[in-house]
Amino acid sequence: MAVNTTWADSSTCPFCGDELASPGAGFVDHIRENDDCESEHEQWRENLAGDLAGEWAG
């Protein structure tokens, strides 16, 4: 699964390209329902957290 690093369309998942019900809650629901996207999201968060000082709450 390739990550879209230029997530220009918030109505689609940046990990799989599927259309989301909504950009906010729809994304959260989508990654909870899709193991591959949830795994990619967690990896993305870990990579991002390593680049930021301190803990990131997002």
PDB file of N, CA and C in Angstrom:
ATOM      1  N   MET A   1       0.855  -1.172   0.000  1.00  0.00           N
ATOM      2  CA  MET A   1       0.000   0.000   0.000  1.00  0.00           C
ATOM      3  C   MET A   1       0.899   1.233   0.000  1.00  0.00           C
ATOM      4  N   ALA A   2       0.683   2.109  -0.922  1.00  0.00           N
ATOM      5  CA  ALA A   2       1.495   3.311  -1.035  1.00  0.00           C
ATOM      6  C   ALA A   2       0.819   4.478  -0.341  1.00  0.00           C
ATOM      7  N   VAL A   3       1.621   5.276   0.334  1.00  0.00           N
ATOM      8  CA  VAL A   3       1.102   6.453   1.011  1.00  0.00           C
ATOM      9  C   VAL A   3       1.157   7.636   0.066  1.00  0.00           C
ATOM     10  N   ASN A   4       0.062   8.356  -0.038  1.00  0.00           N
ATOM     11  CA  ASN A   4       0.002   9.565  -0.837  1.00  0.00           C
ATOM     12  C   ASN A   4       0.546  10.698   0.021  1.00  0.00           C
ATOM     13  N   THR A   5       1.802  11.071  -0.194  1.00  0.00           N
ATOM     14  CA  THR A   5       2.436  12.079   0.653  1.00  0.00           C
ATOM     15  C   THR A   5       1.959  13.489   0.341  1.00  0.00           C
ATOM     16  N   THR A   6       1.197  13.662  -0.707  1.00  0.00           N
ATOM     17  CA  THR A   6       0.651  14.974  -1.052  1.00  0.00           C
ATOM     18  C   THR A   6      -0.866  14.943  -0.922  1.00  0.00           C
ATOM     19  N   TRP A   7      -1.357  14.507   0.197  1.00  0.00           N
ATOM     20  CA  TRP A   7      -2.780  14.307   0.423  1.00  0.00           C
ATOM     21  C   TRP A   7      -3.551  15.578   0.126  1.00  0.00           C
ATOM     22  N   ALA A   8      -3.842  15.793  -1.163  1.00  0.00           N
ATOM     23  CA  ALA A   8      -4.493  17.017  -1.615  1.00  0.00           C
ATOM     24  C   ALA A   8      -6.015  16.918  -1.584  1.00  0.00           C
ATOM     25  N   ASP A   9      -6.539  15.704  -1.516  1.00  0.00           N
ATOM     26  CA  ASP A   9      -7.985  15.518  -1.543  1.00  0.00           C
ATOM     27  C   ASP A   9      -8.421  14.860  -0.245  1.00  0.00           C
ATOM     28  N   SER A  10      -8.912  15.640   0.681  1.00  0.00           N
ATOM     29  CA  SER A  10      -9.275  15.116   2.004  1.00  0.00           C
ATOM     30  C   SER A  10     -10.535  14.251   1.977  1.00  0.00           C
ATOM     31  N   SER A  11     -11.140  14.081   0.808  1.00  0.00           N
ATOM     32  CA  SER A  11     -12.308  13.211   0.713  1.00  0.00           C
ATOM     33  C   SER A  11     -11.914  11.780   0.346  1.00  0.00           C
ATOM     34  N   THR A  12     -10.614  11.521   0.225  1.00  0.00           N
ATOM     35  CA  THR A  12     -10.129  10.169  -0.053  1.00  0.00           C
ATOM     36  C   THR A  12      -9.051   9.791   0.966  1.00  0.00           C
ATOM     37  N   CYS A  13      -8.929   8.493   1.204  1.00  0.00           N
ATOM     38  CA  CYS A  13      -7.916   7.993   2.132  1.00  0.00           C
ATOM     39  C   CYS A  13      -6.538   8.120   1.479  1.00  0.00           C
ATOM     40  N   PRO A  14      -5.556   8.696   2.172  1.00  0.00           N
ATOM     41  CA  PRO A  14      -4.229   8.845   1.587  1.00  0.00           C
ATOM     42  C   PRO A  14      -3.478   7.513   1.494  1.00  0.00           C
ATOM     43  N   PHE A  15      -3.978   6.484   2.142  1.00  0.00           N
ATOM     44  CA  PHE A  15      -3.296   5.198   2.172  1.00  0.00           C
ATOM     45  C   PHE A  15      -3.800   4.232   1.106  1.00  0.00           C
ATOM     46  N   CYS A  16      -5.104   4.282   0.799  1.00  0.00           N
ATOM     47  CA  CYS A  16      -5.646   3.343  -0.193  1.00  0.00           C
ATOM     48  C   CYS A  16      -6.381   4.044  -1.330  1.00  0.00           C
ATOM     49  N   GLY A  17      -6.735   5.319  -1.141  1.00  0.00           N
ATOM     50  CA  GLY A  17      -7.432   6.069  -2.180  1.00  0.00           C
ATOM     51  C   GLY A  17      -8.936   5.932  -2.172  1.00  0.00           C
ATOM     52  N   ASP A  18      -9.482   5.141  -1.236  1.00  0.00           N
ATOM     53  CA  ASP A  18     -10.941   4.994  -1.151  1.00  0.00           C
ATOM     54  C   ASP A  18     -11.592   6.312  -0.758  1.00  0.00           C
ATOM     55  N   GLU A  19     -12.810   6.517  -1.233  1.00  0.00           N
ATOM     56  CA  GLU A  19     -13.573   7.711  -0.884  1.00  0.00           C
ATOM     57  C   GLU A  19     -14.020   7.620   0.574  1.00  0.00           C
ATOM     58  N   LEU A  20     -13.931   8.736   1.286  1.00  0.00           N
ATOM     59  CA  LEU A  20     -14.324   8.805   2.694  1.00  0.00           C
ATOM     60  C   LEU A  20     -15.705   9.423   2.820  1.00  0.00           C
ATOM     61  N   ALA A  21     -16.433   9.012   3.847  1.00  0.00           N
ATOM     62  CA  ALA A  21     -17.750   9.596   4.109  1.00  0.00           C
ATOM     63  C   ALA A  21     -17.629  11.076   4.448  1.00  0.00           C
ATOM     64  N   SER A  22     -16.549  11.447   5.116  1.00  0.00           N
ATOM     65  CA  SER A  22     -16.257  12.845   5.440  1.00  0.00           C
ATOM     66  C   SER A  22     -14.763  12.944   5.737  1.00  0.00           C
ATOM     67  N   PRO A  23     -14.173  14.126   5.601  1.00  0.00           N
ATOM     68  CA  PRO A  23     -12.740  14.270   5.824  1.00  0.00           C
ATOM     69  C   PRO A  23     -12.293  14.017   7.268  1.00  0.00           C
ATOM     70  N   GLY A  24     -13.099  14.311   8.240  1.00  0.00           N
ATOM     71  CA  GLY A  24     -12.693  14.151   9.645  1.00  0.00           C
ATOM     72  C   GLY A  24     -13.097  12.820  10.219  1.00  0.00           C
ATOM     73  N   ALA A  25     -14.326  12.760  10.699  1.00  0.00           N
ATOM     74  CA  ALA A  25     -14.834  11.537  11.317  1.00  0.00           C
ATOM     75  C   ALA A  25     -14.843  10.375  10.326  1.00  0.00           C
ATOM     76  N   GLY A  26     -15.073  10.660   9.069  1.00  0.00           N
ATOM     77  CA  GLY A  26     -15.077   9.616   8.049  1.00  0.00           C
ATOM     78  C   GLY A  26     -13.715   8.960   7.914  1.00  0.00           C
ATOM     79  N   PHE A  27     -12.652   9.753   8.054  1.00  0.00           N
ATOM     80  CA  PHE A  27     -11.307   9.192   7.993  1.00  0.00           C
ATOM     81  C   PHE A  27     -11.048   8.290   9.199  1.00  0.00           C
ATOM     82  N   VAL A  28     -11.429   8.767  10.376  1.00  0.00           N
ATOM     83  CA  VAL A  28     -11.243   7.976  11.601  1.00  0.00           C
ATOM     84  C   VAL A  28     -12.016   6.663  11.494  1.00  0.00           C
ATOM     85  N   ASP A  29     -13.253   6.728  11.059  1.00  0.00           N
ATOM     86  CA  ASP A  29     -14.048   5.509  10.877  1.00  0.00           C
ATOM     87  C   ASP A  29     -13.384   4.580   9.866  1.00  0.00           C
ATOM     88  N   HIS A  30     -12.892   5.136   8.784  1.00  0.00           N
ATOM     89  CA  HIS A  30     -12.278   4.347   7.720  1.00  0.00           C
ATOM     90  C   HIS A  30     -11.067   3.572   8.229  1.00  0.00           C
ATOM     91  N   ILE A  31     -10.176   4.238   8.962  1.00  0.00           N
ATOM     92  CA  ILE A  31      -8.986   3.513   9.419  1.00  0.00           C
ATOM     93  C   ILE A  31      -9.338   2.494  10.502  1.00  0.00           C
ATOM     94  N   ARG A  32     -10.389   2.740  11.266  1.00  0.00           N
ATOM     95  CA  ARG A  32     -10.829   1.743  12.256  1.00  0.00           C
ATOM     96  C   ARG A  32     -11.407   0.505  11.592  1.00  0.00           C
ATOM     97  N   GLU A  33     -11.994   0.680  10.426  1.00  0.00           N
ATOM     98  CA  GLU A  33     -12.645  -0.426   9.719  1.00  0.00           C
ATOM     99  C   GLU A  33     -11.721  -1.132   8.726  1.00  0.00           C
ATOM    100  N   ASN A  34     -10.548  -0.573   8.460  1.00  0.00           N
ATOM    101  CA  ASN A  34      -9.631  -1.123   7.463  1.00  0.00           C
ATOM    102  C   ASN A  34      -8.258  -1.341   8.096  1.00  0.00           C
ATOM    103  N   ASP A  35      -7.955  -2.590   8.373  1.00  0.00           N
ATOM    104  CA  ASP A  35      -6.709  -2.925   9.076  1.00  0.00           C
ATOM    105  C   ASP A  35      -5.460  -2.419   8.364  1.00  0.00           C
ATOM    106  N   ASP A  36      -5.415  -2.534   7.027  1.00  0.00           N
ATOM    107  CA  ASP A  36      -4.237  -2.083   6.291  1.00  0.00           C
ATOM    108  C   ASP A  36      -4.035  -0.573   6.438  1.00  0.00           C
ATOM    109  N   CYS A  37      -5.113   0.182   6.312  1.00  0.00           N
ATOM    110  CA  CYS A  37      -5.016   1.639   6.432  1.00  0.00           C
ATOM    111  C   CYS A  37      -4.669   2.031   7.866  1.00  0.00           C
ATOM    112  N   GLU A  38      -5.228   1.316   8.842  1.00  0.00           N
ATOM    113  CA  GLU A  38      -4.909   1.613  10.235  1.00  0.00           C
ATOM    114  C   GLU A  38      -3.427   1.364  10.502  1.00  0.00           C
ATOM    115  N   SER A  39      -2.905   0.284   9.966  1.00  0.00           N
ATOM    116  CA  SER A  39      -1.484  -0.033  10.124  1.00  0.00           C
ATOM    117  C   SER A  39      -0.610   1.035   9.471  1.00  0.00           C
ATOM    118  N   GLU A  40      -0.974   1.439   8.250  1.00  0.00           N
ATOM    119  CA  GLU A  40      -0.222   2.495   7.555  1.00  0.00           C
ATOM    120  C   GLU A  40      -0.293   3.819   8.322  1.00  0.00           C
ATOM    121  N   HIS A  41      -1.454   4.126   8.885  1.00  0.00           N
ATOM    122  CA  HIS A  41      -1.619   5.358   9.648  1.00  0.00           C
ATOM    123  C   HIS A  41      -0.743   5.341  10.896  1.00  0.00           C
ATOM    124  N   GLU A  42      -0.712   4.203  11.597  1.00  0.00           N
ATOM    125  CA  GLU A  42       0.132   4.091  12.790  1.00  0.00           C
ATOM    126  C   GLU A  42       1.603   4.241  12.438  1.00  0.00           C
ATOM    127  N   GLN A  43       2.015   3.642  11.318  1.00  0.00           N
ATOM    128  CA  GLN A  43       3.410   3.779  10.877  1.00  0.00           C
ATOM    129  C   GLN A  43       3.717   5.232  10.545  1.00  0.00           C
ATOM    130  N   TRP A  44       2.793   5.911   9.877  1.00  0.00           N
ATOM    131  CA  TRP A  44       2.962   7.320   9.535  1.00  0.00           C
ATOM    132  C   TRP A  44       3.117   8.159  10.806  1.00  0.00           C
ATOM    133  N   ARG A  45       2.249   7.878  11.818  1.00  0.00           N
ATOM    134  CA  ARG A  45       2.324   8.612  13.092  1.00  0.00           C
ATOM    135  C   ARG A  45       3.660   8.391  13.781  1.00  0.00           C
ATOM    136  N   GLU A  46       4.136   7.148  13.784  1.00  0.00           N
ATOM    137  CA  GLU A  46       5.427   6.849  14.409  1.00  0.00           C
ATOM    138  C   GLU A  46       6.557   7.592  13.704  1.00  0.00           C
ATOM    139  N   ASN A  47       6.520   7.601  12.388  1.00  0.00           N
ATOM    140  CA  ASN A  47       7.546   8.319  11.626  1.00  0.00           C
ATOM    141  C   ASN A  47       7.493   9.814  11.903  1.00  0.00           C
ATOM    142  N   LEU A  48       6.303  10.360  11.948  1.00  0.00           N
ATOM    143  CA  LEU A  48       6.137  11.787  12.206  1.00  0.00           C
ATOM    144  C   LEU A  48       6.566  12.136  13.630  1.00  0.00           C
ATOM    145  N   ALA A  49       6.172  11.318  14.593  1.00  0.00           N
ATOM    146  CA  ALA A  49       6.527  11.577  15.992  1.00  0.00           C
ATOM    147  C   ALA A  49       8.037  11.595  16.175  1.00  0.00           C
ATOM    148  N   GLY A  50       8.752  10.772  15.411  1.00  0.00           N
ATOM    149  CA  GLY A  50      10.205  10.754  15.497  1.00  0.00           C
ATOM    150  C   GLY A  50      10.837  12.034  14.980  1.00  0.00           C
ATOM    151  N   ASP A  51      10.105  12.765  14.143  1.00  0.00           N
ATOM    152  CA  ASP A  51      10.622  14.014  13.573  1.00  0.00           C
ATOM    153  C   ASP A  51      10.275  15.234  14.436  1.00  0.00           C
ATOM    154  N   LEU A  52       9.395  15.063  15.425  1.00  0.00           N
ATOM    155  CA  LEU A  52       8.950  16.177  16.254  1.00  0.00           C
ATOM    156  C   LEU A  52       9.526  16.057  17.667  1.00  0.00           C
ATOM    157  N   ALA A  53       9.867  17.167  18.246  1.00  0.00           N
ATOM    158  CA  ALA A  53      10.352  17.167  19.626  1.00  0.00           C
ATOM    159  C   ALA A  53       9.167  16.988  20.572  1.00  0.00           C
ATOM    160  N   GLY A  54       9.316  16.160  21.566  1.00  0.00           N
ATOM    161  CA  GLY A  54       8.244  15.957  22.527  1.00  0.00           C
ATOM    162  C   GLY A  54       7.150  15.070  21.947  1.00  0.00           C
ATOM    163  N   GLU A  55       6.044  14.996  22.617  1.00  0.00           N
ATOM    164  CA  GLU A  55       4.931  14.150  22.191  1.00  0.00           C
ATOM    165  C   GLU A  55       3.967  14.943  21.330  1.00  0.00           C
ATOM    166  N   TRP A  56       3.465  14.310  20.301  1.00  0.00           N
ATOM    167  CA  TRP A  56       2.487  14.925  19.417  1.00  0.00           C
ATOM    168  C   TRP A  56       1.124  14.376  19.760  1.00  0.00           C
ATOM    169  N   ALA A  57       0.164  15.240  19.999  1.00  0.00           N
ATOM    170  CA  ALA A  57      -1.160  14.816  20.439  1.00  0.00           C
ATOM    171  C   ALA A  57      -2.063  14.443  19.261  1.00  0.00           C
ATOM    172  N   GLY A  58      -1.660  14.741  18.015  1.00  0.00           N
ATOM    173  CA  GLY A  58      -2.547  14.529  16.869  1.00  0.00           C
ATOM    174  C   GLY A  58      -2.709  13.162  16.404  1.00  0.00           C
TER     175      GLY A  58
END
